[in-house]
Protein backbone atom coordinates (compact mmCIF):
# COMPACT_ATOMS: atom_id res chain seq x y z
CA MET A 1 177.88 -133.04 57.92
CA ALA A 2 175.96 -133.34 54.67
CA ASN A 3 175.49 -131.14 51.64
CA CYS A 4 172.20 -131.50 49.80
CA VAL A 5 172.06 -128.28 47.80
CA GLU A 6 170.39 -128.38 44.39
CA ASN A 7 168.99 -125.70 42.11
CA PRO A 8 165.23 -126.39 41.92
CA GLY A 9 164.91 -124.51 38.65
CA GLN A 10 163.94 -120.95 37.82
CA ILE A 11 160.28 -120.10 38.34
CA ARG A 12 159.88 -118.01 35.20
CA ALA A 13 161.42 -120.72 33.02
CA LEU A 14 159.44 -123.52 34.64
CA ALA A 15 156.17 -121.67 34.10
CA ALA A 16 157.09 -121.00 30.47
CA SER A 17 157.96 -124.67 29.92
CA ILE A 18 154.62 -125.78 31.31
CA LYS A 19 152.74 -123.24 29.23
CA SER A 20 154.51 -124.38 26.05
CA GLY A 21 153.90 -128.05 26.81
CA GLU A 22 157.60 -128.82 27.00
CA VAL A 23 157.14 -129.99 30.61
CA THR A 24 153.98 -131.16 32.33
CA ALA A 25 152.96 -129.94 35.77
CA THR A 26 152.52 -133.59 36.75
CA ALA A 27 156.10 -134.45 35.85
CA LEU A 28 157.36 -131.38 37.68
CA VAL A 29 155.46 -132.20 40.86
CA GLN A 30 156.73 -135.78 40.72
CA ARG A 31 160.27 -134.49 40.26
CA TYR A 32 160.06 -132.54 43.51
CA LEU A 33 158.38 -135.40 45.37
CA ASP A 34 161.26 -137.66 44.31
CA ARG A 35 163.75 -135.04 45.45
CA ILE A 36 161.98 -134.73 48.81
CA ASP A 37 162.48 -138.45 49.34
CA VAL A 38 166.23 -137.85 49.08
CA VAL A 39 166.46 -134.61 51.06
CA GLN A 40 163.95 -135.05 53.87
CA PRO A 41 165.93 -137.63 55.89
CA VAL A 42 168.97 -135.35 55.76
CA ALA A 43 167.82 -131.71 56.01
CA GLU A 44 164.14 -132.16 57.02
CA PRO A 45 162.71 -128.96 55.50
CA TRP A 46 159.15 -130.33 55.23
CA ARG A 47 156.53 -130.69 57.94
CA GLU A 48 153.92 -132.35 55.76
CA ILE A 49 153.83 -133.40 52.12
CA ASP A 50 150.52 -133.21 50.27
CA GLY A 51 151.78 -135.21 47.30
CA GLU A 52 148.61 -137.02 46.24
CA ARG A 53 146.56 -133.86 46.11
CA ALA A 54 149.39 -131.98 44.39
CA LEU A 55 149.49 -134.60 41.65
CA THR A 56 145.72 -134.40 41.23
CA ILE A 57 145.87 -130.61 40.86
CA ALA A 58 148.84 -130.94 38.51
CA ALA A 59 146.79 -133.19 36.21
CA GLN A 60 144.09 -130.51 36.16
CA ARG A 61 146.66 -127.84 35.32
CA ASP A 62 147.93 -130.02 32.46
CA GLU A 63 144.42 -130.36 31.02
CA GLN A 64 144.06 -126.59 31.24
CA VAL A 65 147.28 -126.14 29.27
CA LYS A 66 145.93 -128.39 26.51
CA LYS A 67 142.86 -126.16 26.29
CA GLY A 68 144.91 -122.95 26.32
CA ASN A 69 143.52 -122.00 29.73
CA ILE A 70 146.54 -120.65 31.58
CA LEU A 71 145.44 -119.41 35.00
CA GLY A 72 148.35 -117.07 35.56
CA PRO A 73 152.12 -116.57 35.62
CA LEU A 74 152.67 -119.42 38.11
CA HIS A 75 150.59 -122.01 36.25
CA GLY A 76 151.77 -125.47 37.35
CA VAL A 77 154.57 -124.21 39.63
CA PRO A 78 154.80 -126.14 42.95
CA VAL A 79 155.05 -124.16 46.20
CA ALA A 80 156.08 -124.89 49.78
CA VAL A 81 154.02 -123.07 52.44
CA LYS A 82 155.37 -122.14 55.87
CA ASP A 83 153.43 -123.96 58.55
CA ILE A 84 151.96 -120.86 60.17
CA ILE A 85 149.94 -120.22 56.99
CA ASP A 86 146.62 -121.97 56.52
CA VAL A 87 146.16 -124.41 53.65
CA ALA A 88 142.69 -125.95 53.50
CA GLY A 89 142.84 -129.65 54.34
CA LEU A 90 146.18 -129.46 56.19
CA PRO A 91 146.73 -128.68 59.89
CA THR A 92 148.56 -125.48 60.78
CA ARG A 93 150.70 -126.70 63.67
CA CYS A 94 153.10 -123.73 64.04
CA ASN A 95 155.77 -126.16 65.29
CA CYS A 96 154.01 -126.13 68.67
CA LYS A 97 153.46 -129.29 70.73
CA ALA A 98 150.13 -127.88 71.89
CA TYR A 99 148.98 -127.84 68.25
CA GLN A 100 150.21 -131.27 67.13
CA ASP A 101 146.69 -132.71 67.05
CA ARG A 102 145.12 -129.62 65.51
CA ALA A 103 142.36 -130.22 62.98
CA PRO A 104 143.05 -129.38 59.32
CA ALA A 105 142.36 -125.81 58.26
CA THR A 106 138.96 -125.38 56.66
CA ALA A 107 139.98 -122.47 54.44
CA ASP A 108 143.06 -121.22 52.66
CA ALA A 109 144.92 -118.12 53.73
CA GLU A 110 144.45 -115.28 51.28
CA ILE A 111 148.05 -115.57 50.08
CA VAL A 112 147.44 -119.26 49.31
CA LEU A 113 144.31 -118.40 47.36
CA ALA A 114 146.32 -115.79 45.45
CA LEU A 115 148.92 -118.41 44.57
CA LYS A 116 146.25 -120.84 43.39
CA ALA A 117 144.61 -118.14 41.27
CA ALA A 118 147.99 -117.57 39.62
CA GLY A 119 148.10 -121.29 38.81
CA ALA A 120 150.48 -122.49 41.53
CA ILE A 121 150.24 -125.94 43.13
CA ILE A 122 150.63 -126.35 46.90
CA LEU A 123 153.13 -129.14 47.53
CA GLY A 124 152.87 -129.14 51.32
CA LYS A 125 153.89 -127.42 54.54
CA ALA A 126 157.46 -126.43 55.44
CA HIS A 127 158.85 -126.33 58.98
CA THR A 128 158.83 -123.13 61.05
CA THR A 129 160.18 -122.15 64.43
CA GLU A 130 157.51 -122.25 67.12
CA PHE A 131 154.95 -119.58 66.23
CA ALA A 132 157.65 -117.95 64.05
CA LEU A 133 159.72 -116.89 67.05
CA PHE A 134 162.81 -118.48 68.64
CA ASP A 135 162.31 -122.17 69.40
CA PRO A 136 163.88 -123.93 66.38
CA SER A 137 162.41 -126.42 63.95
CA PRO A 138 164.04 -129.70 62.88
CA ALA A 139 165.10 -128.19 59.54
CA ARG A 140 168.82 -127.99 58.79
CA ASN A 141 170.97 -125.96 56.42
CA PRO A 142 171.31 -127.81 53.09
CA HIS A 143 174.86 -126.49 52.64
CA ASN A 144 176.00 -128.10 55.88
CA THR A 145 173.44 -129.93 58.00
CA GLU A 146 175.41 -129.22 61.16
CA HIS A 147 174.38 -125.56 60.76
CA THR A 148 171.11 -123.70 61.20
CA PRO A 149 169.08 -122.69 58.13
CA GLY A 150 168.00 -119.60 60.10
CA GLY A 151 164.55 -118.79 61.36
CA SER A 152 161.74 -118.54 61.56
CA SER A 153 161.09 -119.60 57.94
CA SER A 154 163.67 -122.35 58.31
CA GLY A 155 161.92 -125.09 56.36
CA SER A 156 160.84 -122.81 53.53
CA ALA A 157 164.38 -121.59 52.87
CA ALA A 158 165.83 -125.10 53.18
CA ALA A 159 163.14 -126.48 50.85
CA VAL A 160 164.23 -124.17 48.03
CA ALA A 161 167.97 -124.44 48.72
CA SER A 162 167.79 -128.25 48.69
CA GLY A 163 165.96 -128.37 45.37
CA THR A 164 162.63 -129.67 46.68
CA ALA A 165 160.54 -126.67 45.55
CA PRO A 166 161.23 -123.71 43.25
CA LEU A 167 159.07 -121.33 45.31
CA ALA A 168 158.25 -121.11 49.00
CA LEU A 169 156.31 -118.80 51.28
CA GLY A 170 157.86 -117.44 54.44
CA THR A 171 157.00 -114.63 56.82
CA GLN A 172 158.96 -111.88 58.51
CA THR A 173 158.32 -110.16 61.82
CA MET A 174 161.94 -109.55 62.73
CA ALA A 175 164.39 -111.25 60.35
CA SER A 176 162.52 -114.46 59.63
CA LEU A 177 162.48 -114.36 55.83
CA ASN A 178 165.59 -112.54 54.72
CA ARG A 179 168.08 -114.11 57.12
CA PRO A 180 167.26 -117.77 56.27
CA ALA A 181 167.69 -116.89 52.61
CA ALA A 182 171.16 -115.49 53.30
CA TYR A 183 172.13 -118.51 55.40
CA CYS A 184 170.86 -120.94 52.76
CA GLY A 185 172.37 -119.15 49.76
CA ILE A 186 169.11 -118.26 48.02
CA ALA A 187 167.03 -115.12 47.44
CA ALA A 188 164.04 -113.72 49.27
CA PHE A 189 161.63 -110.85 48.71
CA LYS A 190 159.85 -109.25 51.67
CA PRO A 191 157.18 -106.78 50.53
CA SER A 192 156.46 -103.55 52.36
CA THR A 193 155.16 -104.27 55.83
CA ARG A 194 151.42 -105.06 55.95
CA SER A 195 151.09 -104.67 52.17
CA VAL A 196 150.18 -108.36 51.71
CA CYS A 197 146.93 -109.60 53.24
CA GLY A 198 147.60 -111.58 56.42
CA TYR A 199 144.26 -113.40 56.56
CA GLY A 200 144.88 -117.02 57.47
CA VAL A 201 148.41 -116.42 58.76
CA ASN A 202 148.89 -117.16 62.46
CA PRO A 203 149.96 -113.82 63.92
CA LEU A 204 153.01 -113.05 66.04
CA ALA A 205 153.15 -109.25 66.01
CA PRO A 206 150.53 -107.95 63.56
CA SER A 207 152.08 -104.54 62.91
CA TYR A 208 155.17 -106.29 61.50
CA ASP A 209 154.04 -109.71 60.24
CA THR A 210 154.55 -109.84 56.47
CA VAL A 211 154.40 -112.75 54.04
CA GLY A 212 157.26 -113.01 51.55
CA PHE A 213 158.76 -115.23 48.87
CA TYR A 214 161.77 -117.51 48.41
CA GLY A 215 163.40 -118.46 45.12
CA TRP A 216 166.77 -119.73 43.98
CA SER A 217 167.73 -116.38 42.43
CA VAL A 218 166.78 -112.75 42.92
CA ASP A 219 164.72 -112.90 39.73
CA ASP A 220 162.80 -115.89 41.12
CA ALA A 221 161.88 -114.20 44.39
CA VAL A 222 160.98 -110.91 42.70
CA TYR A 223 159.04 -112.65 39.94
CA ALA A 224 156.98 -114.52 42.54
CA TYR A 225 156.00 -111.22 44.15
CA GLU A 226 155.26 -109.58 40.80
CA SER A 227 153.09 -112.56 39.82
CA LEU A 228 150.75 -111.85 42.72
CA SER A 229 150.93 -108.07 42.75
CA PRO A 230 147.67 -106.41 41.67
CA TYR A 231 149.82 -103.73 40.05
CA GLY A 232 151.76 -106.09 37.78
CA SER A 233 155.42 -105.30 37.26
CA ASP A 234 157.14 -102.16 36.12
CA ALA A 235 160.33 -101.64 34.20
CA VAL A 236 162.92 -99.45 35.88
CA ASP A 237 165.43 -97.79 33.61
CA ALA A 238 168.99 -97.51 34.87
CA ASP A 239 168.69 -93.73 34.69
CA ALA A 240 165.67 -93.83 37.02
CA ILE A 241 167.50 -95.80 39.71
CA GLY A 242 168.86 -93.62 42.48
CA ARG A 243 171.95 -94.34 44.49
CA ILE A 244 172.93 -97.67 45.99
CA LEU A 245 173.80 -96.61 49.52
CA PHE A 246 175.86 -98.45 52.09
CA LEU A 247 174.80 -97.16 55.47
CA GLU A 248 177.63 -96.65 57.95
CA ASP A 249 176.41 -97.58 61.42
CA ASP A 250 177.93 -99.09 64.58
CA LEU A 251 175.33 -101.88 64.60
CA ILE A 252 177.22 -103.78 61.90
CA ALA A 253 180.69 -103.20 63.35
CA ASP A 254 180.86 -106.86 64.36
CA ALA A 255 180.52 -108.19 60.79
CA ASP A 256 183.20 -110.82 60.27
CA ALA A 257 185.98 -110.32 57.77
CA GLU A 258 184.55 -112.56 55.06
CA MET A 259 181.14 -110.90 55.22
CA ALA A 260 182.64 -107.40 55.15
CA SER A 261 184.83 -108.36 52.20
CA ALA A 262 181.94 -109.92 50.26
CA VAL A 263 179.74 -106.85 50.72
CA ALA A 264 182.60 -104.52 49.74
CA GLU A 265 183.16 -106.57 46.58
CA GLN A 266 179.45 -106.46 45.81
CA LEU A 267 179.50 -102.66 46.03
CA VAL A 268 182.45 -102.54 43.63
CA GLN A 269 180.67 -104.82 41.16
CA ILE A 270 177.50 -102.71 41.30
CA GLY A 271 179.57 -99.60 40.66
CA GLU A 272 181.21 -101.28 37.68
CA LEU A 273 177.73 -101.85 36.23
CA GLY A 274 177.32 -98.08 36.11
CA TYR A 275 175.21 -97.46 39.21
CA LYS A 276 175.95 -94.72 41.73
CA VAL A 277 177.36 -96.30 44.88
CA GLU A 278 177.98 -94.23 48.00
CA ARG A 279 178.74 -94.80 51.66
CA VAL A 280 176.65 -92.56 53.91
CA ALA A 281 176.08 -92.12 57.63
CA SER A 282 172.79 -93.10 59.17
CA PRO A 283 170.68 -90.16 60.40
CA PHE A 284 170.54 -91.91 63.80
CA PRO A 285 171.95 -95.05 65.42
CA PHE A 286 170.20 -98.15 64.10
CA SER A 287 170.42 -99.68 67.56
CA LYS A 288 167.66 -97.26 68.61
CA ILE A 289 165.35 -98.62 65.93
CA GLY A 290 166.25 -102.14 66.97
CA THR A 291 165.23 -101.45 70.57
CA LEU A 292 161.93 -99.87 69.55
CA HIS A 293 161.24 -102.76 67.21
CA TRP A 294 161.91 -105.36 69.88
CA ASN A 295 159.74 -103.67 72.52
CA THR A 296 156.78 -103.08 70.23
CA MET A 297 157.05 -106.54 68.67
CA ILE A 298 157.23 -108.37 71.98
CA PHE A 299 154.33 -106.31 73.38
CA GLU A 300 152.16 -107.43 70.48
CA ALA A 301 153.32 -111.06 70.77
CA GLY A 302 152.48 -111.02 74.47
CA ARG A 303 148.88 -110.10 73.69
CA VAL A 304 148.40 -112.14 70.52
CA LEU A 305 149.78 -115.38 71.98
CA VAL A 306 148.63 -114.95 75.59
CA ASN A 307 146.27 -117.93 75.30
CA LEU A 308 149.30 -120.23 74.99
CA ALA A 309 150.05 -119.57 78.66
CA GLU A 310 147.03 -121.74 79.47
CA TYR A 311 148.81 -124.86 78.20
CA PRO A 312 151.10 -126.99 80.40
CA ASP A 313 154.75 -125.94 80.39
CA GLU A 314 155.85 -129.04 78.48
CA LEU A 315 153.64 -128.09 75.49
CA ILE A 316 155.06 -124.58 74.96
CA GLY A 317 158.71 -123.80 74.23
CA GLU A 318 160.63 -122.15 77.04
CA ARG A 319 161.76 -119.20 74.92
CA LEU A 320 158.26 -118.62 73.54
CA ARG A 321 156.75 -118.70 77.03
CA GLY A 322 159.39 -116.24 78.23
CA ALA A 323 158.74 -113.89 75.30
CA ILE A 324 155.00 -113.87 76.02
CA ALA A 325 155.68 -113.00 79.65
CA GLU A 326 158.11 -110.24 78.66
CA GLY A 327 155.56 -108.75 76.29
CA GLN A 328 152.82 -108.91 78.87
CA ALA A 329 155.00 -106.91 81.28
CA ILE A 330 155.28 -103.92 78.91
CA PRO A 331 152.63 -101.28 79.72
CA GLU A 332 150.33 -100.22 76.91
CA GLU A 333 151.31 -96.56 77.26
CA GLN A 334 154.97 -97.49 76.76
CA TYR A 335 154.04 -99.42 73.63
CA ILE A 336 152.01 -96.53 72.24
CA ALA A 337 154.79 -94.04 72.92
CA GLU A 338 157.46 -96.25 71.39
CA ARG A 339 155.38 -97.06 68.34
CA ALA A 340 154.82 -93.33 67.81
CA GLN A 341 158.55 -92.75 68.21
CA LEU A 342 159.27 -95.43 65.64
CA ASN A 343 156.88 -93.70 63.23
CA GLU A 344 158.96 -90.54 63.61
CA PHE A 345 162.23 -92.41 63.07
CA ARG A 346 160.78 -93.95 59.90
CA LYS A 347 159.72 -90.54 58.60
CA THR A 348 163.07 -88.96 59.45
CA PHE A 349 165.02 -91.75 57.82
CA PHE A 350 163.29 -91.86 54.47
CA THR A 351 162.98 -88.10 54.11
CA SER A 352 166.78 -87.93 54.54
CA PHE A 353 167.21 -89.71 51.21
CA ALA A 354 165.66 -89.78 47.75
CA LEU A 355 162.67 -92.06 47.23
CA ASN A 356 164.53 -94.08 44.59
CA ASP A 357 167.63 -94.65 46.72
CA VAL A 358 168.21 -98.27 47.72
CA PHE A 359 170.22 -99.36 50.76
CA LEU A 360 172.64 -102.28 50.83
CA TRP A 361 173.69 -104.03 54.03
CA PRO A 362 175.04 -107.36 55.19
CA ALA A 363 172.19 -109.70 56.12
CA ALA A 364 173.98 -110.99 59.22
CA PRO A 365 177.37 -110.73 60.94
CA GLY A 366 178.51 -113.83 59.09
CA PRO A 367 177.34 -117.20 57.76
CA ALA A 368 174.93 -119.56 59.46
CA PRO A 369 176.23 -120.56 62.89
CA LYS A 370 176.89 -124.17 63.75
CA GLY A 371 174.12 -126.04 65.55
CA ILE A 372 170.36 -125.87 65.19
CA GLN A 373 169.42 -124.75 68.70
CA SER A 374 169.79 -121.12 67.63
CA THR A 375 168.53 -119.57 64.41
CA GLY A 376 171.30 -116.97 64.27
CA GLU A 377 171.59 -113.23 64.74
CA PRO A 378 168.61 -111.08 63.61
CA LYS A 379 169.91 -107.65 64.63
CA TYR A 380 171.12 -106.53 61.18
CA ILE A 381 167.75 -107.11 59.52
CA ALA A 382 165.32 -106.24 62.33
CA PRO A 383 165.74 -102.43 62.06
CA TRP A 384 164.97 -102.57 58.33
CA THR A 385 161.89 -104.62 59.08
CA ALA A 386 160.85 -101.92 61.53
CA LEU A 387 161.38 -99.24 58.88
CA GLY A 388 158.81 -101.10 56.83
CA GLY A 389 160.06 -101.06 53.26
CA PRO A 390 160.61 -103.91 50.78
CA MET A 391 163.72 -106.02 51.32
CA VAL A 392 165.53 -108.41 48.98
CA THR A 393 168.15 -110.94 50.05
CA VAL A 394 170.94 -111.26 47.49
CA PRO A 395 173.39 -114.21 47.58
CA ILE A 396 176.94 -112.81 47.46
CA GLY A 397 179.22 -115.83 47.64
CA LYS A 398 180.55 -118.26 50.21
CA THR A 399 183.02 -118.36 53.04
CA SER A 400 186.26 -120.33 52.90
CA ALA A 401 184.33 -123.10 54.68
CA GLY A 402 181.71 -123.18 51.92
CA LEU A 403 178.86 -121.51 53.79
CA PRO A 404 176.73 -118.92 51.96
CA LEU A 405 176.84 -115.19 52.56
CA GLY A 406 174.07 -112.76 51.70
CA SER A 407 173.29 -109.07 51.67
CA ILE A 408 170.00 -107.20 51.76
CA LEU A 409 168.76 -104.45 49.45
CA CYS A 410 166.13 -102.26 51.13
CA GLY A 411 163.81 -99.61 49.76
CA ALA A 412 161.31 -97.10 51.10
CA PRO A 413 157.82 -98.35 52.00
CA GLY A 414 155.65 -98.62 48.89
CA THR A 415 158.52 -98.97 46.43
CA ASP A 416 158.16 -102.75 46.15
CA LEU A 417 158.08 -103.06 42.37
CA ALA A 418 160.89 -100.59 41.86
CA THR A 419 163.07 -102.08 44.60
CA GLY A 420 162.53 -105.55 43.20
CA ALA A 421 163.46 -104.39 39.72
CA ILE A 422 166.59 -102.67 41.03
CA ALA A 423 167.63 -105.79 42.95
CA ARG A 424 167.15 -107.83 39.79
CA ALA A 425 169.22 -105.36 37.76
CA VAL A 426 172.20 -105.07 40.13
CA SER A 427 172.36 -108.83 40.79
CA ALA A 428 172.02 -110.02 37.20
């Protein structure tokens, strides 16, 4: 067992310090490279470090500061990129043995270009589960390295939680962004499904795949999203915030006692801040959404990744190969019917509530499980991913054994800025 948790610093403050000249981007990059040297042998969040190039870019960012040329709100801030996202000059291996000798990407993913345009510096690639599905990566939970950091964005979450980067990119198709954040005791922001350009991101299930952001605190994760949003950020007055709703549903009946207690306490604290907190029944069982999500997701994965079946068995993970076969076995007409049904569920759900209502749920049944052969339970988050709205992971304390617990705050599709602002307000 090892604990290698360290606050990497707050993104907003780091960017301000670089802009003012108090800290140089070069010194900041070197700080994280030094920290990686300490953490990597223990928690292994990183797949590949691009330190030399990061230092070169940092020197350029420092010269720009001297000239008053600040590129954007992330000027000089180092970033870890999940290794299913293309970064020019680095291979995108997707934690797949078949891709270990893959040539470096020749172009950046759009999200990487957006980060660079905002002034960010790419520090390297973080580990992922194989093609962002089940087969785990070598990354471990910084709070206790005998436990999983979650998946599929395992390395990205561990990179931030261990203090080796203040900002990291992950992706979510099922629970791959928000659950690792909860397990690692940090924050994450998943935008509305398909609202962020997926160019240059290796697909798993395109109707769900969404890039999102990790930071130490809720403000960090939300600020990262706001920094890249073409709409800027908006202020949400307390009076404009709707209810904070806890959805009663049988799907979360197996939440352990410490998780249930932490979420209940969080609801009390939010109420004490003056927000309206209510417990309400779901308009339908969330297990139905979970089933529709799984079937439609695995159908898409079976088509998108079918070429992997051409590789020898020893080069493709057993669980990934099985998932591809399962998806291939689902008829197209079933997929179409179930996707249409999911559209109706989504419409029914959000029209049952006000647009400015936000939903609070546990992120998982409990803390990160022991062992790294499983990435944990995705069933609490997957239905919200299927519903398609923005989702914020909020750290809510630790278990008696010292493992983090987290909740999720979810909004209606398209309410990204407002949901982020609400999450920031209720978690301050």
